[in-house]
Amino acid sequence: MTSLYDKLESYLRALGVTTEKCASILYPMVESCFQEDFLKAWNRSVTSAASTDAKERLTNLMQKQREKKELIWQRLVLAWV
């Protein structure tokens, strides 16, 4: 998911479009790629409710996904130990 966002952002940047300009377009596209259970948890979170700006919501959503991925890796490492 993170790599998809990075690719989209780099393609748009190559066209001269910044995240600030297109966050309102990127957010629904990126959000639609997440699993339903993740989105339900995200929408219930304080971080999601506090964000009103599209760029801020997009940044927070991607950060939450990175944290989730890191937690999964930590659990896998602990399972192997």
PDB file of N, CA and C in Angstrom:
ATOM      1  N   MET A   1       0.822  -1.184   0.000  1.00  0.00           N
ATOM      2  CA  MET A   1       0.000   0.000   0.000  1.00  0.00           C
ATOM      3  C   MET A   1       0.870   1.253   0.000  1.00  0.00           C
ATOM      4  N   THR A   2       1.873   1.244   0.844  1.00  0.00           N
ATOM      5  CA  THR A   2       2.766   2.393   0.905  1.00  0.00           C
ATOM      6  C   THR A   2       3.460   2.598  -0.430  1.00  0.00           C
ATOM      7  N   SER A   3       3.864   1.503  -1.071  1.00  0.00           N
ATOM      8  CA  SER A   3       4.541   1.641  -2.361  1.00  0.00           C
ATOM      9  C   SER A   3       3.590   2.187  -3.426  1.00  0.00           C
ATOM     10  N   LEU A   4       2.311   1.824  -3.359  1.00  0.00           N
ATOM     11  CA  LEU A   4       1.330   2.372  -4.295  1.00  0.00           C
ATOM     12  C   LEU A   4       1.223   3.877  -4.123  1.00  0.00           C
ATOM     13  N   TYR A   5       1.114   4.318  -2.876  1.00  0.00           N
ATOM     14  CA  TYR A   5       1.036   5.755  -2.594  1.00  0.00           C
ATOM     15  C   TYR A   5       2.288   6.465  -3.098  1.00  0.00           C
ATOM     16  N   ASP A   6       3.458   5.882  -2.821  1.00  0.00           N
ATOM     17  CA  ASP A   6       4.723   6.487  -3.258  1.00  0.00           C
ATOM     18  C   ASP A   6       4.782   6.595  -4.781  1.00  0.00           C
ATOM     19  N   LYS A   7       4.327   5.555  -5.482  1.00  0.00           N
ATOM     20  CA  LYS A   7       4.325   5.593  -6.946  1.00  0.00           C
ATOM     21  C   LYS A   7       3.387   6.681  -7.461  1.00  0.00           C
ATOM     22  N   LEU A   8       2.180   6.717  -6.907  1.00  0.00           N
ATOM     23  CA  LEU A   8       1.230   7.751  -7.325  1.00  0.00           C
ATOM     24  C   LEU A   8       1.797   9.142  -7.099  1.00  0.00           C
ATOM     25  N   GLU A   9       2.372   9.337  -5.921  1.00  0.00           N
ATOM     26  CA  GLU A   9       2.924  10.648  -5.590  1.00  0.00           C
ATOM     27  C   GLU A   9       4.069  11.015  -6.535  1.00  0.00           C
ATOM     28  N   SER A  10       4.931  10.049  -6.856  1.00  0.00           N
ATOM     29  CA  SER A  10       6.061  10.357  -7.739  1.00  0.00           C
ATOM     30  C   SER A  10       5.590  10.651  -9.164  1.00  0.00           C
ATOM     31  N   TYR A  11       4.576   9.922  -9.648  1.00  0.00           N
ATOM     32  CA  TYR A  11       4.037  10.203 -10.977  1.00  0.00           C
ATOM     33  C   TYR A  11       3.420  11.593 -11.022  1.00  0.00           C
ATOM     34  N   LEU A  12       2.661  11.924 -10.002  1.00  0.00           N
ATOM     35  CA  LEU A  12       2.028  13.241  -9.953  1.00  0.00           C
ATOM     36  C   LEU A  12       3.064  14.354  -9.826  1.00  0.00           C
ATOM     37  N   ARG A  13       4.114  14.100  -9.029  1.00  0.00           N
ATOM     38  CA  ARG A  13       5.176  15.095  -8.876  1.00  0.00           C
ATOM     39  C   ARG A  13       5.880  15.321 -10.208  1.00  0.00           C
ATOM     40  N   ALA A  14       6.058  14.238 -10.998  1.00  0.00           N
ATOM     41  CA  ALA A  14       6.688  14.367 -12.319  1.00  0.00           C
ATOM     42  C   ALA A  14       5.842  15.247 -13.237  1.00  0.00           C
ATOM     43  N   LEU A  15       4.543  15.250 -12.998  1.00  0.00           N
ATOM     44  CA  LEU A  15       3.642  16.101 -13.782  1.00  0.00           C
ATOM     45  C   LEU A  15       3.527  17.508 -13.216  1.00  0.00           C
ATOM     46  N   GLY A  16       4.227  17.741 -12.098  1.00  0.00           N
ATOM     47  CA  GLY A  16       4.196  19.061 -11.485  1.00  0.00           C
ATOM     48  C   GLY A  16       3.066  19.249 -10.489  1.00  0.00           C
ATOM     49  N   VAL A  17       2.427  18.144 -10.100  1.00  0.00           N
ATOM     50  CA  VAL A  17       1.321  18.202  -9.141  1.00  0.00           C
ATOM     51  C   VAL A  17       1.850  17.764  -7.778  1.00  0.00           C
ATOM     52  N   THR A  18       1.644  18.591  -6.760  1.00  0.00           N
ATOM     53  CA  THR A  18       2.134  18.258  -5.422  1.00  0.00           C
ATOM     54  C   THR A  18       1.035  17.606  -4.591  1.00  0.00           C
ATOM     55  N   THR A  19       1.429  16.978  -3.502  1.00  0.00           N
ATOM     56  CA  THR A  19       0.467  16.359  -2.600  1.00  0.00           C
ATOM     57  C   THR A  19      -0.511  17.395  -2.070  1.00  0.00           C
ATOM     58  N   GLU A  20      -0.016  18.602  -1.806  1.00  0.00           N
ATOM     59  CA  GLU A  20      -0.884  19.661  -1.302  1.00  0.00           C
ATOM     60  C   GLU A  20      -2.011  19.963  -2.289  1.00  0.00           C
ATOM     61  N   LYS A  21      -1.682  19.902  -3.577  1.00  0.00           N
ATOM     62  CA  LYS A  21      -2.669  20.212  -4.605  1.00  0.00           C
ATOM     63  C   LYS A  21      -3.647  19.069  -4.858  1.00  0.00           C
ATOM     64  N   CYS A  22      -3.198  17.836  -4.654  1.00  0.00           N
ATOM     65  CA  CYS A  22      -4.030  16.705  -5.067  1.00  0.00           C
ATOM     66  C   CYS A  22      -4.413  15.768  -3.924  1.00  0.00           C
ATOM     67  N   ALA A  23      -4.214  16.158  -2.692  1.00  0.00           N
ATOM     68  CA  ALA A  23      -4.533  15.286  -1.558  1.00  0.00           C
ATOM     69  C   ALA A  23      -6.004  14.902  -1.544  1.00  0.00           C
ATOM     70  N   SER A  24      -6.868  15.828  -1.929  1.00  0.00           N
ATOM     71  CA  SER A  24      -8.293  15.518  -1.924  1.00  0.00           C
ATOM     72  C   SER A  24      -8.649  14.472  -2.976  1.00  0.00           C
ATOM     73  N   ILE A  25      -7.818  14.322  -3.999  1.00  0.00           N
ATOM     74  CA  ILE A  25      -8.023  13.285  -5.006  1.00  0.00           C
ATOM     75  C   ILE A  25      -7.335  11.992  -4.573  1.00  0.00           C
ATOM     76  N   LEU A  26      -6.129  12.104  -4.048  1.00  0.00           N
ATOM     77  CA  LEU A  26      -5.365  10.934  -3.634  1.00  0.00           C
ATOM     78  C   LEU A  26      -5.998  10.189  -2.459  1.00  0.00           C
ATOM     79  N   TYR A  27      -6.535  10.934  -1.491  1.00  0.00           N
ATOM     80  CA  TYR A  27      -7.053  10.296  -0.278  1.00  0.00           C
ATOM     81  C   TYR A  27      -8.090   9.213  -0.584  1.00  0.00           C
ATOM     82  N   PRO A  28      -9.158   9.496  -1.353  1.00  0.00           N
ATOM     83  CA  PRO A  28     -10.130   8.432  -1.632  1.00  0.00           C
ATOM     84  C   PRO A  28      -9.539   7.267  -2.427  1.00  0.00           C
ATOM     85  N   MET A  29      -8.587   7.569  -3.318  1.00  0.00           N
ATOM     86  CA  MET A  29      -7.960   6.505  -4.098  1.00  0.00           C
ATOM     87  C   MET A  29      -7.159   5.575  -3.186  1.00  0.00           C
ATOM     88  N   VAL A  30      -6.381   6.163  -2.302  1.00  0.00           N
ATOM     89  CA  VAL A  30      -5.560   5.372  -1.387  1.00  0.00           C
ATOM     90  C   VAL A  30      -6.451   4.638  -0.396  1.00  0.00           C
ATOM     91  N   GLU A  31      -7.437   5.329   0.142  1.00  0.00           N
ATOM     92  CA  GLU A  31      -8.336   4.727   1.126  1.00  0.00           C
ATOM     93  C   GLU A  31      -9.063   3.514   0.552  1.00  0.00           C
ATOM     94  N   SER A  32      -9.433   3.567  -0.710  1.00  0.00           N
ATOM     95  CA  SER A  32     -10.168   2.457  -1.332  1.00  0.00           C
ATOM     96  C   SER A  32      -9.329   1.184  -1.453  1.00  0.00           C
ATOM     97  N   CYS A  33      -8.030   1.286  -1.295  1.00  0.00           N
ATOM     98  CA  CYS A  33      -7.145   0.127  -1.408  1.00  0.00           C
ATOM     99  C   CYS A  33      -6.980  -0.639  -0.093  1.00  0.00           C
ATOM    100  N   PHE A  34      -7.431  -0.044   1.007  1.00  0.00           N
ATOM    101  CA  PHE A  34      -7.279  -0.693   2.308  1.00  0.00           C
ATOM    102  C   PHE A  34      -8.396  -1.689   2.563  1.00  0.00           C
ATOM    103  N   GLN A  35      -8.114  -2.669   3.421  1.00  0.00           N
ATOM    104  CA  GLN A  35      -9.127  -3.640   3.810  1.00  0.00           C
ATOM    105  C   GLN A  35     -10.169  -2.981   4.704  1.00  0.00           C
ATOM    106  N   GLU A  36     -11.365  -3.534   4.678  1.00  0.00           N
ATOM    107  CA  GLU A  36     -12.483  -2.947   5.402  1.00  0.00           C
ATOM    108  C   GLU A  36     -12.241  -2.864   6.905  1.00  0.00           C
ATOM    109  N   ASP A  37     -11.632  -3.903   7.497  1.00  0.00           N
ATOM    110  CA  ASP A  37     -11.396  -3.885   8.951  1.00  0.00           C
ATOM    111  C   ASP A  37     -10.419  -2.787   9.352  1.00  0.00           C
ATOM    112  N   PHE A  38      -9.414  -2.535   8.522  1.00  0.00           N
ATOM    113  CA  PHE A  38      -8.468  -1.463   8.797  1.00  0.00           C
ATOM    114  C   PHE A  38      -9.172  -0.111   8.719  1.00  0.00           C
ATOM    115  N   LEU A  39     -10.018   0.065   7.714  1.00  0.00           N
ATOM    116  CA  LEU A  39     -10.730   1.339   7.546  1.00  0.00           C
ATOM    117  C   LEU A  39     -11.715   1.601   8.684  1.00  0.00           C
ATOM    118  N   LYS A  40     -12.373   0.549   9.164  1.00  0.00           N
ATOM    119  CA  LYS A  40     -13.286   0.723  10.298  1.00  0.00           C
ATOM    120  C   LYS A  40     -12.514   1.211  11.520  1.00  0.00           C
ATOM    121  N   ALA A  41     -11.383   0.573  11.790  1.00  0.00           N
ATOM    122  CA  ALA A  41     -10.546   0.979  12.929  1.00  0.00           C
ATOM    123  C   ALA A  41     -10.031   2.400  12.718  1.00  0.00           C
ATOM    124  N   TRP A  42      -9.632   2.713  11.514  1.00  0.00           N
ATOM    125  CA  TRP A  42      -9.122   4.048  11.196  1.00  0.00           C
ATOM    126  C   TRP A  42     -10.193   5.110  11.426  1.00  0.00           C
ATOM    127  N   ASN A  43     -11.396   4.849  10.951  1.00  0.00           N
ATOM    128  CA  ASN A  43     -12.474   5.828  11.083  1.00  0.00           C
ATOM    129  C   ASN A  43     -12.905   6.033  12.535  1.00  0.00           C
ATOM    130  N   ARG A  44     -12.666   5.038  13.390  1.00  0.00           N
ATOM    131  CA  ARG A  44     -12.979   5.177  14.816  1.00  0.00           C
ATOM    132  C   ARG A  44     -11.871   5.875  15.587  1.00  0.00           C
ATOM    133  N   SER A  45     -10.702   5.991  14.996  1.00  0.00           N
ATOM    134  CA  SER A  45      -9.555   6.531  15.717  1.00  0.00           C
ATOM    135  C   SER A  45      -9.656   8.042  15.919  1.00  0.00           C
ATOM    136  N   VAL A  46      -8.997   8.503  16.954  1.00  0.00           N
ATOM    137  CA  VAL A  46      -8.952   9.938  17.266  1.00  0.00           C
ATOM    138  C   VAL A  46      -8.223  10.685  16.160  1.00  0.00           C
ATOM    139  N   THR A  47      -7.175  10.091  15.626  1.00  0.00           N
ATOM    140  CA  THR A  47      -6.384  10.719  14.568  1.00  0.00           C
ATOM    141  C   THR A  47      -7.246  11.007  13.346  1.00  0.00           C
ATOM    142  N   SER A  48      -8.086  10.063  12.985  1.00  0.00           N
ATOM    143  CA  SER A  48      -8.955  10.249  11.830  1.00  0.00           C
ATOM    144  C   SER A  48      -9.961  11.363  12.082  1.00  0.00           C
ATOM    145  N   ALA A  49     -10.561  11.367  13.256  1.00  0.00           N
ATOM    146  CA  ALA A  49     -11.588  12.364  13.574  1.00  0.00           C
ATOM    147  C   ALA A  49     -11.008  13.772  13.682  1.00  0.00           C
ATOM    148  N   ALA A  50      -9.765  13.880  14.116  1.00  0.00           N
ATOM    149  CA  ALA A  50      -9.142  15.187  14.322  1.00  0.00           C
ATOM    150  C   ALA A  50      -8.695  15.834  13.010  1.00  0.00           C
ATOM    151  N   SER A  51      -8.541  15.046  11.968  1.00  0.00           N
ATOM    152  CA  SER A  51      -8.028  15.557  10.703  1.00  0.00           C
ATOM    153  C   SER A  51      -9.161  16.092   9.838  1.00  0.00           C
ATOM    154  N   THR A  52      -9.056  17.347   9.463  1.00  0.00           N
ATOM    155  CA  THR A  52     -10.048  17.930   8.564  1.00  0.00           C
ATOM    156  C   THR A  52      -9.461  18.215   7.190  1.00  0.00           C
ATOM    157  N   ASP A  53      -8.184  18.508   7.142  1.00  0.00           N
ATOM    158  CA  ASP A  53      -7.489  18.793   5.889  1.00  0.00           C
ATOM    159  C   ASP A  53      -7.198  17.478   5.167  1.00  0.00           C
ATOM    160  N   ALA A  54      -7.433  17.416   3.863  1.00  0.00           N
ATOM    161  CA  ALA A  54      -7.235  16.188   3.091  1.00  0.00           C
ATOM    162  C   ALA A  54      -5.785  15.712   3.146  1.00  0.00           C
ATOM    163  N   LYS A  55      -4.839  16.646   3.052  1.00  0.00           N
ATOM    164  CA  LYS A  55      -3.422  16.256   3.108  1.00  0.00           C
ATOM    165  C   LYS A  55      -3.081  15.658   4.468  1.00  0.00           C
ATOM    166  N   GLU A  56      -3.593  16.258   5.520  1.00  0.00           N
ATOM    167  CA  GLU A  56      -3.332  15.752   6.874  1.00  0.00           C
ATOM    168  C   GLU A  56      -3.954  14.363   7.062  1.00  0.00           C
ATOM    169  N   ARG A  57      -5.188  14.182   6.571  1.00  0.00           N
ATOM    170  CA  ARG A  57      -5.848  12.867   6.674  1.00  0.00           C
ATOM    171  C   ARG A  57      -5.056  11.814   5.908  1.00  0.00           C
ATOM    172  N   LEU A  58      -4.574  12.169   4.722  1.00  0.00           N
ATOM    173  CA  LEU A  58      -3.792  11.239   3.906  1.00  0.00           C
ATOM    174  C   LEU A  58      -2.493  10.878   4.609  1.00  0.00           C
ATOM    175  N   THR A  59      -1.801  11.871   5.133  1.00  0.00           N
ATOM    176  CA  THR A  59      -0.549  11.635   5.848  1.00  0.00           C
ATOM    177  C   THR A  59      -0.782  10.753   7.069  1.00  0.00           C
ATOM    178  N   ASN A  60      -1.824  11.045   7.838  1.00  0.00           N
ATOM    179  CA  ASN A  60      -2.123  10.255   9.035  1.00  0.00           C
ATOM    180  C   ASN A  60      -2.525   8.828   8.691  1.00  0.00           C
ATOM    181  N   LEU A  61      -3.290   8.663   7.610  1.00  0.00           N
ATOM    182  CA  LEU A  61      -3.693   7.329   7.180  1.00  0.00           C
ATOM    183  C   LEU A  61      -2.484   6.489   6.798  1.00  0.00           C
ATOM    184  N   MET A  62      -1.564   7.074   6.044  1.00  0.00           N
ATOM    185  CA  MET A  62      -0.369   6.340   5.640  1.00  0.00           C
ATOM    186  C   MET A  62       0.522   6.030   6.843  1.00  0.00           C
ATOM    187  N   GLN A  63       0.594   6.937   7.800  1.00  0.00           N
ATOM    188  CA  GLN A  63       1.381   6.691   9.015  1.00  0.00           C
ATOM    189  C   GLN A  63       0.781   5.527   9.804  1.00  0.00           C
ATOM    190  N   LYS A  64      -0.538   5.497   9.909  1.00  0.00           N
ATOM    191  CA  LYS A  64      -1.209   4.405  10.617  1.00  0.00           C
ATOM    192  C   LYS A  64      -0.923   3.074   9.936  1.00  0.00           C
ATOM    193  N   GLN A  65      -0.925   3.066   8.610  1.00  0.00           N
ATOM    194  CA  GLN A  65      -0.626   1.841   7.867  1.00  0.00           C
ATOM    195  C   GLN A  65       0.817   1.401   8.110  1.00  0.00           C
ATOM    196  N   ARG A  66       1.748   2.343   8.136  1.00  0.00           N
ATOM    197  CA  ARG A  66       3.148   2.002   8.414  1.00  0.00           C
ATOM    198  C   ARG A  66       3.282   1.413   9.813  1.00  0.00           C
ATOM    199  N   GLU A  67       2.588   1.997  10.789  1.00  0.00           N
ATOM    200  CA  GLU A  67       2.628   1.487  12.166  1.00  0.00           C
ATOM    201  C   GLU A  67       2.064   0.080  12.236  1.00  0.00           C
ATOM    202  N   LYS A  68       0.973  -0.164  11.521  1.00  0.00           N
ATOM    203  CA  LYS A  68       0.370  -1.489  11.511  1.00  0.00           C
ATOM    204  C   LYS A  68       1.337  -2.506  10.910  1.00  0.00           C
ATOM    205  N   LYS A  69       1.982  -2.131   9.812  1.00  0.00           N
ATOM    206  CA  LYS A  69       2.933  -3.036   9.166  1.00  0.00           C
ATOM    207  C   LYS A  69       4.112  -3.334  10.095  1.00  0.00           C
ATOM    208  N   GLU A  70       4.601  -2.319  10.799  1.00  0.00           N
ATOM    209  CA  GLU A  70       5.712  -2.502  11.738  1.00  0.00           C
ATOM    210  C   GLU A  70       5.305  -3.436  12.878  1.00  0.00           C
ATOM    211  N   LEU A  71       4.092  -3.277  13.377  1.00  0.00           N
ATOM    212  CA  LEU A  71       3.605  -4.141  14.450  1.00  0.00           C
ATOM    213  C   LEU A  71       3.523  -5.599  14.001  1.00  0.00           C
ATOM    214  N   ILE A  72       3.075  -5.808  12.779  1.00  0.00           N
ATOM    215  CA  ILE A  72       3.010  -7.169  12.236  1.00  0.00           C
ATOM    216  C   ILE A  72       4.401  -7.772  12.149  1.00  0.00           C
ATOM    217  N   TRP A  73       5.380  -6.998  11.681  1.00  0.00           N
ATOM    218  CA  TRP A  73       6.759  -7.495  11.592  1.00  0.00           C
ATOM    219  C   TRP A  73       7.314  -7.827  12.975  1.00  0.00           C
ATOM    220  N   GLN A  74       7.034  -6.993  13.948  1.00  0.00           N
ATOM    221  CA  GLN A  74       7.497  -7.256  15.307  1.00  0.00           C
ATOM    222  C   GLN A  74       6.912  -8.558  15.839  1.00  0.00           C
ATOM    223  N   ARG A  75       5.637  -8.781  15.581  1.00  0.00           N
ATOM    224  CA  ARG A  75       4.990 -10.022  16.030  1.00  0.00           C
ATOM    225  C   ARG A  75       5.588 -11.235  15.343  1.00  0.00           C
ATOM    226  N   LEU A  76       5.890 -11.101  14.065  1.00  0.00           N
ATOM    227  CA  LEU A  76       6.512 -12.213  13.344  1.00  0.00           C
ATOM    228  C   LEU A  76       7.897 -12.537  13.901  1.00  0.00           C
ATOM    229  N   VAL A  77       8.668 -11.502  14.197  1.00  0.00           N
ATOM    230  CA  VAL A  77      10.001 -11.699  14.764  1.00  0.00           C
ATOM    231  C   VAL A  77       9.893 -12.384  16.117  1.00  0.00           C
ATOM    232  N   LEU A  78       8.982 -11.942  16.956  1.00  0.00           N
ATOM    233  CA  LEU A  78       8.798 -12.557  18.270  1.00  0.00           C
ATOM    234  C   LEU A  78       8.320 -13.998  18.162  1.00  0.00           C
ATOM    235  N   ALA A  79       7.528 -14.302  17.145  1.00  0.00           N
ATOM    236  CA  ALA A  79       7.053 -15.669  16.954  1.00  0.00           C
ATOM    237  C   ALA A  79       8.209 -16.608  16.581  1.00  0.00           C
ATOM    238  N   TRP A  80       9.209 -16.077  15.905  1.00  0.00           N
ATOM    239  CA  TRP A  80      10.344 -16.898  15.489  1.00  0.00           C
ATOM    240  C   TRP A  80      11.379 -17.065  16.591  1.00  0.00           C
ATOM    241  N   VAL A  81      11.330 -16.203  17.590  1.00  0.00           N
ATOM    242  CA  VAL A  81      12.326 -16.240  18.674  1.00  0.00           C
ATOM    243  C   VAL A  81      12.001 -17.301  19.663  1.00  0.00           C
TER     244      VAL A  81
END
